[in-house]
């Protein structure tokens, strides 16, 4: 894994972003990269508060998803949204220099650290830094529990591929419930993480942002 080489524009202007907790009050936020419960095991650079931000355009689309899911008895739980370039650099430097693998048994027990980049689970540049990508799951309001998706967030392995066949029919149906709602509202999935979606018509396809994750 090589150090980052951005040819695109990097800016620090957050004027076209909203706080999801204010814009979509029904969401649940569990911002993993603000905590130590993530694949590195430390708070990630750039996460100054446990809040989620998105571009206004992406937030509007996500609000429609939230409204649809609430009617069906679910709330959206957000693990990550906008991610500063500085946070991505933290991931990359961890991969290059840091020998710490304390979280390996929890998040990538079947892979070596270097494989996380080769297999695409961690990228040198992240769509999250463009401000219109979100990592999320569903919360069942009747049971008071997260919906069983067959693998946890940030589980690095084929079990997290949306079309993985080694899960139950109910777990697969749960993934498709989230996926179809996101697709209907203009988000695109990726092939290795059931929780990851990017607004198809994102407003800043060639701009990466580096302001901190914070409420002000």
N, C-alpha and C. Protein backbone atom coordinates (compact mmCIF):
# COMPACT_ATOMS: atom_id res chain seq x y z
N UNK A 1 0.84 -1.19 0.00
CA UNK A 1 0.00 0.00 0.00
C UNK A 1 0.87 1.24 0.00
N UNK A 2 0.66 2.10 -0.98
CA UNK A 2 1.45 3.32 -1.09
C UNK A 2 0.77 4.48 -0.39
N UNK A 3 1.56 5.48 -0.07
CA UNK A 3 1.00 6.68 0.54
C UNK A 3 0.05 7.35 -0.45
N UNK A 4 -0.84 8.17 0.06
CA UNK A 4 -1.86 8.80 -0.77
C UNK A 4 -1.26 9.77 -1.77
N UNK A 5 -1.87 9.80 -2.93
CA UNK A 5 -1.46 10.73 -3.98
C UNK A 5 -2.73 11.31 -4.60
N UNK A 6 -3.22 12.40 -4.04
CA UNK A 6 -4.45 13.00 -4.52
C UNK A 6 -4.16 13.95 -5.67
N UNK A 7 -4.80 13.68 -6.80
CA UNK A 7 -4.74 14.63 -7.91
C UNK A 7 -6.02 15.46 -7.95
N UNK A 8 -7.07 14.97 -7.29
CA UNK A 8 -8.31 15.72 -7.22
C UNK A 8 -8.19 16.85 -6.21
N UNK A 9 -9.16 17.73 -6.22
CA UNK A 9 -9.16 18.86 -5.31
C UNK A 9 -9.53 18.42 -3.90
N UNK A 10 -8.81 18.93 -2.92
CA UNK A 10 -9.14 18.71 -1.51
C UNK A 10 -9.49 20.07 -0.90
N UNK A 11 -10.68 20.17 -0.30
CA UNK A 11 -11.10 21.43 0.29
C UNK A 11 -11.64 21.20 1.70
N UNK A 12 -11.76 22.29 2.45
CA UNK A 12 -12.22 22.20 3.84
C UNK A 12 -13.56 22.88 4.08
N UNK A 13 -14.29 23.18 3.04
CA UNK A 13 -15.55 23.90 3.14
C UNK A 13 -16.69 22.94 3.46
N UNK A 14 -17.36 23.15 4.60
CA UNK A 14 -18.46 22.27 4.99
C UNK A 14 -19.83 22.93 4.81
N UNK A 15 -19.91 23.98 4.02
CA UNK A 15 -21.14 24.76 3.91
C UNK A 15 -22.27 23.99 3.24
N UNK A 16 -21.98 22.96 2.47
CA UNK A 16 -23.03 22.20 1.80
C UNK A 16 -23.31 20.87 2.51
N UNK A 17 -22.92 20.79 3.78
CA UNK A 17 -23.14 19.58 4.56
C UNK A 17 -24.16 19.84 5.68
N UNK A 18 -24.83 18.77 6.10
CA UNK A 18 -25.76 18.86 7.22
C UNK A 18 -25.42 17.79 8.25
N UNK A 19 -25.80 18.05 9.48
CA UNK A 19 -25.71 17.05 10.54
C UNK A 19 -26.90 16.11 10.40
N UNK A 20 -26.64 14.85 10.21
CA UNK A 20 -27.74 13.91 10.00
C UNK A 20 -28.66 13.81 11.20
N UNK A 21 -28.10 13.94 12.39
CA UNK A 21 -28.93 13.84 13.59
C UNK A 21 -29.97 14.94 13.68
N UNK A 22 -29.69 16.08 13.08
CA UNK A 22 -30.65 17.18 13.04
C UNK A 22 -31.56 17.07 11.82
N UNK A 23 -31.00 16.67 10.71
CA UNK A 23 -31.76 16.62 9.46
C UNK A 23 -32.71 15.42 9.42
N UNK A 24 -32.28 14.30 10.02
CA UNK A 24 -33.12 13.09 10.08
C UNK A 24 -33.16 12.64 11.54
N UNK A 25 -34.02 13.25 12.35
CA UNK A 25 -34.01 12.99 13.79
C UNK A 25 -34.26 11.53 14.17
N UNK A 26 -34.86 10.75 13.27
CA UNK A 26 -35.19 9.36 13.60
C UNK A 26 -34.01 8.40 13.50
N UNK A 27 -32.90 8.84 12.94
CA UNK A 27 -31.77 7.92 12.80
C UNK A 27 -31.11 7.64 14.15
N UNK A 28 -30.40 6.55 14.21
CA UNK A 28 -29.54 6.20 15.35
C UNK A 28 -28.11 6.35 14.87
N UNK A 29 -27.25 6.93 15.70
CA UNK A 29 -25.86 7.12 15.31
C UNK A 29 -24.93 6.31 16.21
N UNK A 30 -24.13 5.48 15.61
CA UNK A 30 -23.10 4.73 16.32
C UNK A 30 -21.81 4.92 15.53
N UNK A 31 -21.17 6.05 15.72
CA UNK A 31 -20.04 6.46 14.89
C UNK A 31 -18.80 5.71 15.35
N UNK A 32 -18.51 4.63 14.68
CA UNK A 32 -17.47 3.72 15.13
C UNK A 32 -16.07 4.33 15.11
N UNK A 33 -15.81 5.23 14.17
CA UNK A 33 -14.45 5.75 14.07
C UNK A 33 -14.18 6.86 15.07
N UNK A 34 -15.20 7.31 15.76
CA UNK A 34 -14.99 8.19 16.91
C UNK A 34 -14.62 7.36 18.14
N UNK A 35 -15.09 6.13 18.18
CA UNK A 35 -14.83 5.24 19.31
C UNK A 35 -13.54 4.46 19.09
N UNK A 36 -13.27 3.55 20.00
CA UNK A 36 -12.13 2.63 19.84
C UNK A 36 -12.59 1.28 19.33
N UNK A 37 -13.91 1.11 19.16
CA UNK A 37 -14.43 -0.17 18.66
C UNK A 37 -14.49 -0.12 17.14
N UNK A 38 -13.33 -0.26 16.54
CA UNK A 38 -13.20 -0.29 15.09
C UNK A 38 -11.99 -1.16 14.74
N UNK A 39 -11.73 -1.36 13.47
CA UNK A 39 -10.71 -2.33 13.06
C UNK A 39 -9.29 -1.91 13.45
N UNK A 40 -9.08 -0.64 13.77
CA UNK A 40 -7.76 -0.19 14.24
C UNK A 40 -7.66 -0.29 15.75
N UNK A 41 -8.74 0.04 16.44
CA UNK A 41 -8.75 -0.03 17.90
C UNK A 41 -8.48 1.29 18.58
N UNK A 42 -8.46 2.38 17.81
CA UNK A 42 -8.23 3.72 18.35
C UNK A 42 -9.19 4.69 17.66
N UNK A 43 -9.43 5.84 18.31
CA UNK A 43 -10.21 6.86 17.63
C UNK A 43 -9.45 7.33 16.40
N UNK A 44 -10.17 7.51 15.30
CA UNK A 44 -9.54 7.83 14.03
C UNK A 44 -9.37 9.35 13.89
N UNK A 45 -8.24 9.76 13.34
CA UNK A 45 -7.95 11.18 13.14
C UNK A 45 -9.09 11.84 12.36
N UNK A 46 -9.46 13.03 12.81
CA UNK A 46 -10.49 13.79 12.12
C UNK A 46 -11.88 13.62 12.70
N UNK A 47 -12.07 12.64 13.57
CA UNK A 47 -13.37 12.43 14.20
C UNK A 47 -13.37 13.11 15.57
N UNK A 48 -13.83 14.35 15.61
CA UNK A 48 -13.79 15.13 16.83
C UNK A 48 -15.04 14.97 17.68
N UNK A 49 -16.14 14.56 17.06
CA UNK A 49 -17.39 14.32 17.78
C UNK A 49 -18.09 13.11 17.18
N UNK A 50 -18.93 12.42 17.97
CA UNK A 50 -19.62 11.23 17.45
C UNK A 50 -20.88 11.60 16.69
N UNK A 51 -20.69 12.25 15.55
CA UNK A 51 -21.84 12.68 14.75
C UNK A 51 -21.59 12.34 13.29
N UNK A 52 -22.67 12.30 12.53
CA UNK A 52 -22.58 11.96 11.10
C UNK A 52 -22.97 13.18 10.27
N UNK A 53 -22.20 13.41 9.21
CA UNK A 53 -22.49 14.50 8.28
C UNK A 53 -22.58 13.95 6.87
N UNK A 54 -23.42 14.58 6.06
CA UNK A 54 -23.54 14.26 4.64
C UNK A 54 -23.80 15.53 3.86
N UNK A 55 -23.55 15.49 2.56
CA UNK A 55 -23.96 16.61 1.72
C UNK A 55 -25.49 16.74 1.80
N UNK A 56 -25.97 17.93 1.56
CA UNK A 56 -27.41 18.16 1.62
C UNK A 56 -28.17 17.27 0.66
N UNK A 57 -27.62 17.09 -0.53
CA UNK A 57 -28.29 16.27 -1.54
C UNK A 57 -28.40 14.82 -1.09
N UNK A 58 -27.32 14.27 -0.57
CA UNK A 58 -27.35 12.89 -0.09
C UNK A 58 -28.26 12.75 1.12
N UNK A 59 -28.25 13.75 1.99
CA UNK A 59 -29.10 13.71 3.18
C UNK A 59 -30.58 13.71 2.81
N UNK A 60 -30.94 14.48 1.79
CA UNK A 60 -32.35 14.48 1.35
C UNK A 60 -32.77 13.11 0.88
N UNK A 61 -31.91 12.46 0.10
CA UNK A 61 -32.23 11.11 -0.38
C UNK A 61 -32.31 10.12 0.79
N UNK A 62 -31.40 10.25 1.74
CA UNK A 62 -31.39 9.34 2.89
C UNK A 62 -32.62 9.55 3.77
N UNK A 63 -33.11 10.78 3.84
CA UNK A 63 -34.30 11.06 4.63
C UNK A 63 -35.51 10.32 4.05
N UNK A 64 -35.58 10.24 2.75
CA UNK A 64 -36.66 9.48 2.12
C UNK A 64 -36.54 8.01 2.47
N UNK A 65 -35.32 7.48 2.45
CA UNK A 65 -35.10 6.09 2.87
C UNK A 65 -35.59 5.89 4.30
N UNK A 66 -35.21 6.81 5.17
CA UNK A 66 -35.62 6.72 6.58
C UNK A 66 -37.13 6.71 6.72
N UNK A 67 -37.80 7.58 6.00
CA UNK A 67 -39.27 7.63 6.07
C UNK A 67 -39.89 6.32 5.61
N UNK A 68 -39.36 5.76 4.54
CA UNK A 68 -39.87 4.48 4.04
C UNK A 68 -39.68 3.37 5.08
N UNK A 69 -38.52 3.34 5.70
CA UNK A 69 -38.21 2.28 6.65
C UNK A 69 -39.04 2.42 7.93
N UNK A 70 -39.30 3.63 8.36
CA UNK A 70 -40.10 3.85 9.57
C UNK A 70 -41.50 3.28 9.37
N UNK A 71 -42.07 3.48 8.20
CA UNK A 71 -43.39 2.93 7.90
C UNK A 71 -43.39 1.41 8.04
N UNK A 72 -42.26 0.79 7.75
CA UNK A 72 -42.14 -0.66 7.83
C UNK A 72 -41.65 -1.15 9.20
N UNK A 73 -41.42 -0.22 10.12
CA UNK A 73 -41.05 -0.60 11.48
C UNK A 73 -39.56 -0.58 11.77
N UNK A 74 -38.80 0.14 10.95
CA UNK A 74 -37.35 0.16 11.14
C UNK A 74 -36.83 1.60 11.22
N UNK A 75 -35.72 1.76 11.91
CA UNK A 75 -34.96 3.00 11.89
C UNK A 75 -33.60 2.73 11.25
N UNK A 76 -33.01 3.76 10.70
CA UNK A 76 -31.66 3.63 10.15
C UNK A 76 -30.64 3.83 11.26
N UNK A 77 -29.63 2.98 11.29
CA UNK A 77 -28.50 3.17 12.20
C UNK A 77 -27.27 3.49 11.36
N UNK A 78 -26.65 4.63 11.65
CA UNK A 78 -25.51 5.11 10.88
C UNK A 78 -24.21 4.78 11.60
N UNK A 79 -23.30 4.10 10.89
CA UNK A 79 -21.98 3.81 11.43
C UNK A 79 -20.95 4.84 10.99
N UNK A 80 -21.10 5.35 9.77
CA UNK A 80 -20.17 6.34 9.25
C UNK A 80 -20.83 7.03 8.07
N UNK A 81 -20.44 8.26 7.83
CA UNK A 81 -20.95 9.01 6.69
C UNK A 81 -19.76 9.76 6.07
N UNK A 82 -19.78 11.10 6.10
CA UNK A 82 -18.60 11.83 5.64
C UNK A 82 -17.38 11.42 6.46
N UNK A 83 -16.28 11.22 5.75
CA UNK A 83 -15.01 10.83 6.38
C UNK A 83 -13.90 11.74 5.87
N UNK A 84 -13.22 12.47 6.73
CA UNK A 84 -12.17 13.38 6.26
C UNK A 84 -11.01 12.65 5.58
N UNK A 85 -10.37 13.33 4.67
CA UNK A 85 -9.17 12.79 4.03
C UNK A 85 -8.15 12.40 5.10
N UNK A 86 -8.07 13.18 6.14
CA UNK A 86 -7.11 12.89 7.21
C UNK A 86 -7.37 11.54 7.87
N UNK A 87 -8.64 11.16 7.96
CA UNK A 87 -8.99 9.86 8.52
C UNK A 87 -8.54 8.73 7.60
N UNK A 88 -8.70 8.94 6.31
CA UNK A 88 -8.26 7.93 5.34
C UNK A 88 -6.74 7.78 5.41
N UNK A 89 -6.05 8.89 5.59
CA UNK A 89 -4.59 8.82 5.76
C UNK A 89 -4.22 8.01 7.00
N UNK A 90 -5.01 8.15 8.06
CA UNK A 90 -4.78 7.37 9.27
C UNK A 90 -4.89 5.88 8.95
N UNK A 91 -5.92 5.49 8.18
CA UNK A 91 -6.07 4.09 7.78
C UNK A 91 -4.84 3.61 7.01
N UNK A 92 -4.41 4.42 6.06
CA UNK A 92 -3.31 4.02 5.19
C UNK A 92 -2.01 3.89 5.97
N UNK A 93 -1.73 4.85 6.83
CA UNK A 93 -0.49 4.79 7.60
C UNK A 93 -0.51 3.63 8.58
N UNK A 94 -1.68 3.32 9.10
CA UNK A 94 -1.81 2.12 9.94
C UNK A 94 -1.45 0.88 9.14
N UNK A 95 -1.88 0.85 7.89
CA UNK A 95 -1.58 -0.29 7.05
C UNK A 95 -0.12 -0.38 6.67
N UNK A 96 0.54 0.78 6.53
CA UNK A 96 1.94 0.80 6.08
C UNK A 96 2.91 0.59 7.24
N UNK A 97 2.67 1.32 8.34
CA UNK A 97 3.70 1.41 9.38
C UNK A 97 3.35 0.71 10.69
N UNK A 98 2.08 0.63 11.02
CA UNK A 98 1.68 0.18 12.35
C UNK A 98 1.62 -1.35 12.40
N UNK A 99 2.33 -1.94 13.33
CA UNK A 99 2.34 -3.39 13.47
C UNK A 99 1.21 -3.89 14.35
N UNK A 100 0.42 -2.99 14.89
CA UNK A 100 -0.65 -3.35 15.81
C UNK A 100 -1.77 -4.10 15.06
N UNK A 101 -2.07 -5.29 15.52
CA UNK A 101 -3.17 -6.06 14.94
C UNK A 101 -4.12 -6.53 16.05
N UNK A 102 -4.26 -5.70 17.08
CA UNK A 102 -5.05 -6.13 18.25
C UNK A 102 -6.51 -6.39 17.92
N UNK A 103 -7.05 -5.75 16.86
CA UNK A 103 -8.46 -5.94 16.52
C UNK A 103 -8.66 -7.03 15.46
N UNK A 104 -7.60 -7.68 15.07
CA UNK A 104 -7.70 -8.73 14.05
C UNK A 104 -8.72 -9.82 14.42
N UNK A 105 -8.75 -10.33 15.66
CA UNK A 105 -9.71 -11.39 15.96
C UNK A 105 -11.17 -10.96 15.82
N UNK A 106 -11.43 -9.67 15.90
CA UNK A 106 -12.81 -9.17 15.87
C UNK A 106 -13.26 -8.81 14.47
N UNK A 107 -12.35 -8.21 13.67
CA UNK A 107 -12.77 -7.64 12.39
C UNK A 107 -12.19 -8.33 11.16
N UNK A 108 -11.03 -8.97 11.28
CA UNK A 108 -10.45 -9.61 10.09
C UNK A 108 -9.66 -10.86 10.48
N UNK A 109 -10.30 -11.80 11.18
CA UNK A 109 -9.58 -12.98 11.68
C UNK A 109 -9.03 -13.88 10.59
N UNK A 110 -9.62 -13.84 9.40
CA UNK A 110 -9.21 -14.76 8.34
C UNK A 110 -8.33 -14.11 7.28
N UNK A 111 -7.92 -12.86 7.52
CA UNK A 111 -7.10 -12.14 6.56
C UNK A 111 -5.90 -11.52 7.26
N UNK A 112 -4.82 -11.37 6.52
CA UNK A 112 -3.69 -10.60 7.02
C UNK A 112 -3.96 -9.13 6.77
N UNK A 113 -3.36 -8.29 7.58
CA UNK A 113 -3.63 -6.86 7.47
C UNK A 113 -3.43 -6.33 6.05
N UNK A 114 -2.36 -6.75 5.39
CA UNK A 114 -2.06 -6.24 4.05
C UNK A 114 -3.15 -6.60 3.03
N UNK A 115 -3.85 -7.69 3.29
CA UNK A 115 -4.91 -8.11 2.36
C UNK A 115 -6.11 -7.20 2.40
N UNK A 116 -6.28 -6.43 3.47
CA UNK A 116 -7.44 -5.55 3.59
C UNK A 116 -7.45 -4.52 2.47
N UNK A 117 -6.27 -4.08 2.05
CA UNK A 117 -6.17 -3.12 0.96
C UNK A 117 -6.28 -3.82 -0.39
N UNK A 118 -5.61 -4.95 -0.52
CA UNK A 118 -5.62 -5.67 -1.80
C UNK A 118 -7.01 -6.12 -2.19
N UNK A 119 -7.80 -6.49 -1.20
CA UNK A 119 -9.15 -6.99 -1.47
C UNK A 119 -10.20 -5.88 -1.49
N UNK A 120 -9.79 -4.64 -1.26
CA UNK A 120 -10.70 -3.53 -1.41
C UNK A 120 -11.52 -3.16 -0.19
N UNK A 121 -11.22 -3.77 0.96
CA UNK A 121 -11.98 -3.43 2.15
C UNK A 121 -11.58 -2.06 2.70
N UNK A 122 -10.33 -1.67 2.48
CA UNK A 122 -9.85 -0.34 2.84
C UNK A 122 -9.21 0.26 1.59
N UNK A 123 -9.56 1.51 1.29
CA UNK A 123 -9.06 2.15 0.07
C UNK A 123 -8.15 3.32 0.40
N UNK A 124 -7.19 3.56 -0.49
CA UNK A 124 -6.30 4.70 -0.33
C UNK A 124 -7.02 6.02 -0.50
N UNK A 125 -8.10 5.99 -1.26
CA UNK A 125 -9.02 7.13 -1.36
C UNK A 125 -10.41 6.59 -1.11
N UNK A 126 -11.21 7.33 -0.37
CA UNK A 126 -12.53 6.84 -0.01
C UNK A 126 -13.62 7.74 -0.55
N UNK A 127 -14.66 7.12 -1.09
CA UNK A 127 -15.84 7.89 -1.52
C UNK A 127 -16.47 8.62 -0.34
N UNK A 128 -16.25 8.13 0.87
CA UNK A 128 -16.77 8.82 2.06
C UNK A 128 -16.26 10.27 2.13
N UNK A 129 -15.06 10.49 1.65
CA UNK A 129 -14.46 11.83 1.72
C UNK A 129 -15.09 12.80 0.72
N UNK A 130 -15.89 12.30 -0.19
CA UNK A 130 -16.62 13.17 -1.11
C UNK A 130 -17.96 13.60 -0.53
N UNK A 131 -18.32 13.01 0.60
CA UNK A 131 -19.45 13.53 1.38
C UNK A 131 -20.81 12.96 1.10
N UNK A 132 -20.91 11.99 0.18
CA UNK A 132 -22.23 11.46 -0.16
C UNK A 132 -22.30 9.94 -0.05
N UNK A 133 -21.46 9.39 0.81
CA UNK A 133 -21.42 7.95 1.06
C UNK A 133 -21.76 7.70 2.52
N UNK A 134 -22.50 6.63 2.77
CA UNK A 134 -22.93 6.32 4.13
C UNK A 134 -22.80 4.83 4.38
N UNK A 135 -22.40 4.47 5.60
CA UNK A 135 -22.39 3.09 6.08
C UNK A 135 -23.52 2.95 7.09
N UNK A 136 -24.41 1.99 6.87
CA UNK A 136 -25.58 1.93 7.74
C UNK A 136 -26.18 0.54 7.80
N UNK A 137 -27.09 0.37 8.76
CA UNK A 137 -27.87 -0.85 8.89
C UNK A 137 -29.28 -0.47 9.32
N UNK A 138 -30.08 -1.48 9.64
CA UNK A 138 -31.45 -1.25 10.08
C UNK A 138 -31.61 -1.66 11.54
N UNK A 139 -32.46 -0.91 12.23
CA UNK A 139 -32.79 -1.19 13.63
C UNK A 139 -34.28 -1.50 13.69
N UNK A 140 -34.62 -2.65 14.26
CA UNK A 140 -36.01 -3.08 14.35
C UNK A 140 -36.67 -2.45 15.56
N UNK A 141 -37.65 -1.61 15.33
CA UNK A 141 -38.29 -0.89 16.43
C UNK A 141 -39.14 -1.82 17.30
N UNK A 142 -39.61 -2.92 16.76
CA UNK A 142 -40.43 -3.85 17.54
C UNK A 142 -39.59 -4.67 18.50
N UNK A 143 -38.44 -5.17 18.01
CA UNK A 143 -37.59 -6.00 18.86
C UNK A 143 -36.60 -5.17 19.69
N UNK A 144 -36.35 -3.94 19.26
CA UNK A 144 -35.36 -3.11 19.94
C UNK A 144 -33.93 -3.57 19.68
N UNK A 145 -33.72 -4.23 18.54
CA UNK A 145 -32.40 -4.75 18.21
C UNK A 145 -32.03 -4.41 16.77
N UNK A 146 -30.72 -4.42 16.50
CA UNK A 146 -30.28 -4.31 15.12
C UNK A 146 -30.78 -5.50 14.32
N UNK A 147 -31.10 -5.27 13.08
CA UNK A 147 -31.51 -6.35 12.19
C UNK A 147 -30.30 -7.24 11.89
N UNK A 148 -30.52 -8.53 11.88
CA UNK A 148 -29.44 -9.50 11.63
C UNK A 148 -29.12 -9.53 10.15
N UNK A 149 -27.94 -9.02 9.80
CA UNK A 149 -27.51 -8.96 8.41
C UNK A 149 -26.54 -10.09 8.04
N UNK A 150 -26.27 -10.98 8.95
CA UNK A 150 -25.41 -12.12 8.64
C UNK A 150 -23.94 -11.88 8.88
N UNK A 151 -23.55 -10.64 9.05
CA UNK A 151 -22.17 -10.28 9.45
C UNK A 151 -22.23 -8.89 10.04
N UNK A 152 -21.34 -8.57 10.96
CA UNK A 152 -21.35 -7.24 11.56
C UNK A 152 -20.72 -6.19 10.66
N UNK A 153 -20.94 -4.94 10.97
CA UNK A 153 -20.30 -3.84 10.26
C UNK A 153 -18.78 -3.96 10.35
N UNK A 154 -18.12 -3.68 9.24
CA UNK A 154 -16.66 -3.73 9.13
C UNK A 154 -16.07 -5.11 9.37
N UNK A 155 -16.89 -6.15 9.12
CA UNK A 155 -16.33 -7.50 9.09
C UNK A 155 -15.68 -7.67 7.72
N UNK A 156 -14.36 -7.83 7.71
CA UNK A 156 -13.63 -7.92 6.46
C UNK A 156 -13.51 -9.39 6.04
N UNK A 157 -14.36 -9.77 5.13
CA UNK A 157 -14.38 -11.14 4.64
C UNK A 157 -15.54 -11.31 3.68
N UNK A 158 -15.56 -12.42 2.99
CA UNK A 158 -16.59 -12.63 1.97
C UNK A 158 -17.98 -12.68 2.57
N UNK A 159 -18.08 -12.95 3.88
CA UNK A 159 -19.38 -12.98 4.52
C UNK A 159 -20.11 -11.65 4.43
N UNK A 160 -19.35 -10.55 4.23
CA UNK A 160 -19.95 -9.23 4.14
C UNK A 160 -20.33 -8.84 2.72
N UNK A 161 -19.97 -9.66 1.73
CA UNK A 161 -20.37 -9.37 0.36
C UNK A 161 -21.89 -9.46 0.28
N UNK A 162 -22.56 -8.49 -0.32
CA UNK A 162 -24.03 -8.49 -0.32
C UNK A 162 -24.67 -9.76 -0.86
N UNK A 163 -24.02 -10.42 -1.81
CA UNK A 163 -24.60 -11.61 -2.42
C UNK A 163 -24.05 -12.91 -1.84
N UNK A 164 -23.39 -12.84 -0.69
CA UNK A 164 -22.83 -14.03 -0.07
C UNK A 164 -23.94 -15.04 0.22
N UNK A 165 -23.72 -16.31 -0.17
CA UNK A 165 -24.75 -17.32 -0.07
C UNK A 165 -24.73 -18.11 1.23
N UNK A 166 -23.68 -17.94 2.03
CA UNK A 166 -23.55 -18.74 3.23
C UNK A 166 -24.24 -18.17 4.45
N UNK A 167 -25.33 -17.44 4.23
CA UNK A 167 -26.13 -16.90 5.33
C UNK A 167 -27.55 -17.43 5.20
N UNK A 168 -28.39 -17.21 6.20
CA UNK A 168 -29.75 -17.71 6.14
C UNK A 168 -30.57 -16.87 5.16
N UNK A 169 -31.70 -17.41 4.76
CA UNK A 169 -32.59 -16.68 3.86
C UNK A 169 -33.07 -15.39 4.51
N UNK A 170 -33.34 -15.44 5.82
CA UNK A 170 -33.80 -14.23 6.51
C UNK A 170 -32.71 -13.17 6.53
N UNK A 171 -31.48 -13.55 6.79
CA UNK A 171 -30.38 -12.59 6.78
C UNK A 171 -30.20 -11.97 5.39
N UNK A 172 -30.31 -12.79 4.37
CA UNK A 172 -30.21 -12.28 2.99
C UNK A 172 -31.37 -11.33 2.69
N UNK A 173 -32.56 -11.70 3.10
CA UNK A 173 -33.72 -10.83 2.88
C UNK A 173 -33.55 -9.50 3.60
N UNK A 174 -32.97 -9.53 4.78
CA UNK A 174 -32.71 -8.29 5.52
C UNK A 174 -31.76 -7.38 4.76
N UNK A 175 -30.72 -7.98 4.19
CA UNK A 175 -29.78 -7.19 3.38
C UNK A 175 -30.49 -6.56 2.19
N UNK A 176 -31.34 -7.34 1.56
CA UNK A 176 -32.05 -6.85 0.37
C UNK A 176 -33.07 -5.77 0.74
N UNK A 177 -33.65 -5.85 1.91
CA UNK A 177 -34.58 -4.82 2.36
C UNK A 177 -33.87 -3.47 2.42
N UNK A 178 -32.70 -3.45 3.03
CA UNK A 178 -31.91 -2.21 3.09
C UNK A 178 -31.43 -1.81 1.71
N UNK A 179 -30.87 -2.76 0.98
CA UNK A 179 -30.31 -2.48 -0.34
C UNK A 179 -31.36 -1.90 -1.29
N UNK A 180 -32.53 -2.52 -1.35
CA UNK A 180 -33.56 -2.07 -2.28
C UNK A 180 -34.07 -0.67 -1.93
N UNK A 181 -34.18 -0.37 -0.64
CA UNK A 181 -34.60 0.97 -0.23
C UNK A 181 -33.57 2.01 -0.65
N UNK A 182 -32.30 1.67 -0.49
CA UNK A 182 -31.24 2.61 -0.89
C UNK A 182 -31.21 2.78 -2.41
N UNK A 183 -31.36 1.68 -3.15
CA UNK A 183 -31.36 1.76 -4.61
C UNK A 183 -32.53 2.60 -5.12
N UNK A 184 -33.70 2.41 -4.53
CA UNK A 184 -34.88 3.17 -4.96
C UNK A 184 -34.67 4.68 -4.83
N UNK A 185 -33.82 5.04 -3.89
CA UNK A 185 -33.63 6.46 -3.60
C UNK A 185 -32.30 7.00 -4.08
N UNK A 186 -31.71 6.32 -5.05
CA UNK A 186 -30.59 6.89 -5.77
C UNK A 186 -29.21 6.55 -5.27
N UNK A 187 -29.09 5.60 -4.35
CA UNK A 187 -27.78 5.20 -3.85
C UNK A 187 -27.29 3.96 -4.58
N UNK A 188 -25.97 3.87 -4.71
CA UNK A 188 -25.33 2.72 -5.34
C UNK A 188 -24.60 1.89 -4.28
N UNK A 189 -24.67 0.55 -4.38
CA UNK A 189 -23.93 -0.31 -3.46
C UNK A 189 -22.54 -0.61 -3.99
N UNK A 190 -21.75 -1.31 -3.21
CA UNK A 190 -20.50 -1.88 -3.69
C UNK A 190 -20.56 -3.39 -3.46
N UNK A 191 -19.62 -4.13 -4.05
CA UNK A 191 -19.75 -5.58 -4.07
C UNK A 191 -19.13 -6.30 -2.88
N UNK A 192 -18.52 -5.56 -1.95
CA UNK A 192 -17.85 -6.25 -0.84
C UNK A 192 -18.34 -5.85 0.55
N UNK A 193 -19.28 -4.91 0.62
CA UNK A 193 -19.80 -4.48 1.93
C UNK A 193 -21.30 -4.21 1.82
N UNK A 194 -22.10 -4.97 2.53
CA UNK A 194 -23.56 -4.80 2.46
C UNK A 194 -24.02 -3.47 3.03
N UNK A 195 -23.20 -2.81 3.84
CA UNK A 195 -23.59 -1.59 4.55
C UNK A 195 -23.23 -0.30 3.83
N UNK A 196 -22.52 -0.36 2.73
CA UNK A 196 -21.89 0.80 2.09
C UNK A 196 -22.66 1.24 0.86
N UNK A 197 -23.06 2.54 0.82
CA UNK A 197 -23.82 3.07 -0.31
C UNK A 197 -23.37 4.51 -0.60
N UNK A 198 -23.29 4.82 -1.90
CA UNK A 198 -22.92 6.16 -2.36
C UNK A 198 -24.03 6.71 -3.25
N UNK A 199 -24.38 7.96 -3.05
CA UNK A 199 -25.38 8.60 -3.90
C UNK A 199 -24.91 8.57 -5.35
N UNK A 200 -25.71 8.01 -6.22
CA UNK A 200 -25.32 7.85 -7.62
C UNK A 200 -25.00 9.19 -8.27
N UNK A 201 -25.85 10.16 -8.07
CA UNK A 201 -25.66 11.49 -8.65
C UNK A 201 -25.05 12.42 -7.60
N UNK A 202 -23.91 12.01 -7.04
CA UNK A 202 -23.31 12.77 -5.96
C UNK A 202 -22.87 14.15 -6.45
N UNK A 203 -22.99 15.17 -5.60
CA UNK A 203 -22.71 16.53 -6.05
C UNK A 203 -21.24 16.86 -6.22
N UNK A 204 -20.35 16.08 -5.60
CA UNK A 204 -18.92 16.39 -5.65
C UNK A 204 -18.11 15.16 -6.06
N UNK A 205 -18.28 14.68 -7.28
CA UNK A 205 -17.59 13.45 -7.69
C UNK A 205 -16.09 13.57 -7.81
N UNK A 206 -15.58 14.79 -7.89
CA UNK A 206 -14.13 14.99 -8.08
C UNK A 206 -13.51 15.82 -6.96
N UNK A 207 -14.23 16.00 -5.86
CA UNK A 207 -13.73 16.80 -4.75
C UNK A 207 -13.71 15.95 -3.49
N UNK A 208 -12.61 16.04 -2.74
CA UNK A 208 -12.47 15.35 -1.47
C UNK A 208 -12.36 16.40 -0.37
N UNK A 209 -13.05 16.15 0.74
CA UNK A 209 -13.12 17.12 1.82
C UNK A 209 -12.27 16.67 3.01
N UNK A 210 -11.76 17.67 3.76
CA UNK A 210 -10.88 17.34 4.88
C UNK A 210 -11.18 18.14 6.13
N UNK A 211 -12.38 18.66 6.28
CA UNK A 211 -12.74 19.30 7.54
C UNK A 211 -13.09 18.22 8.56
N UNK A 212 -12.95 18.48 9.85
CA UNK A 212 -13.19 17.45 10.86
C UNK A 212 -14.66 17.09 11.00
N UNK A 213 -14.92 15.90 11.48
CA UNK A 213 -16.27 15.47 11.81
C UNK A 213 -16.62 16.10 13.16
N UNK A 214 -17.47 17.09 13.14
CA UNK A 214 -17.84 17.83 14.35
C UNK A 214 -19.17 18.53 14.10
N UNK A 215 -19.83 18.92 15.17
CA UNK A 215 -21.14 19.53 15.04
C UNK A 215 -21.09 21.00 14.68
N UNK A 216 -19.91 21.62 14.80
CA UNK A 216 -19.78 23.03 14.45
C UNK A 216 -18.54 23.24 13.59
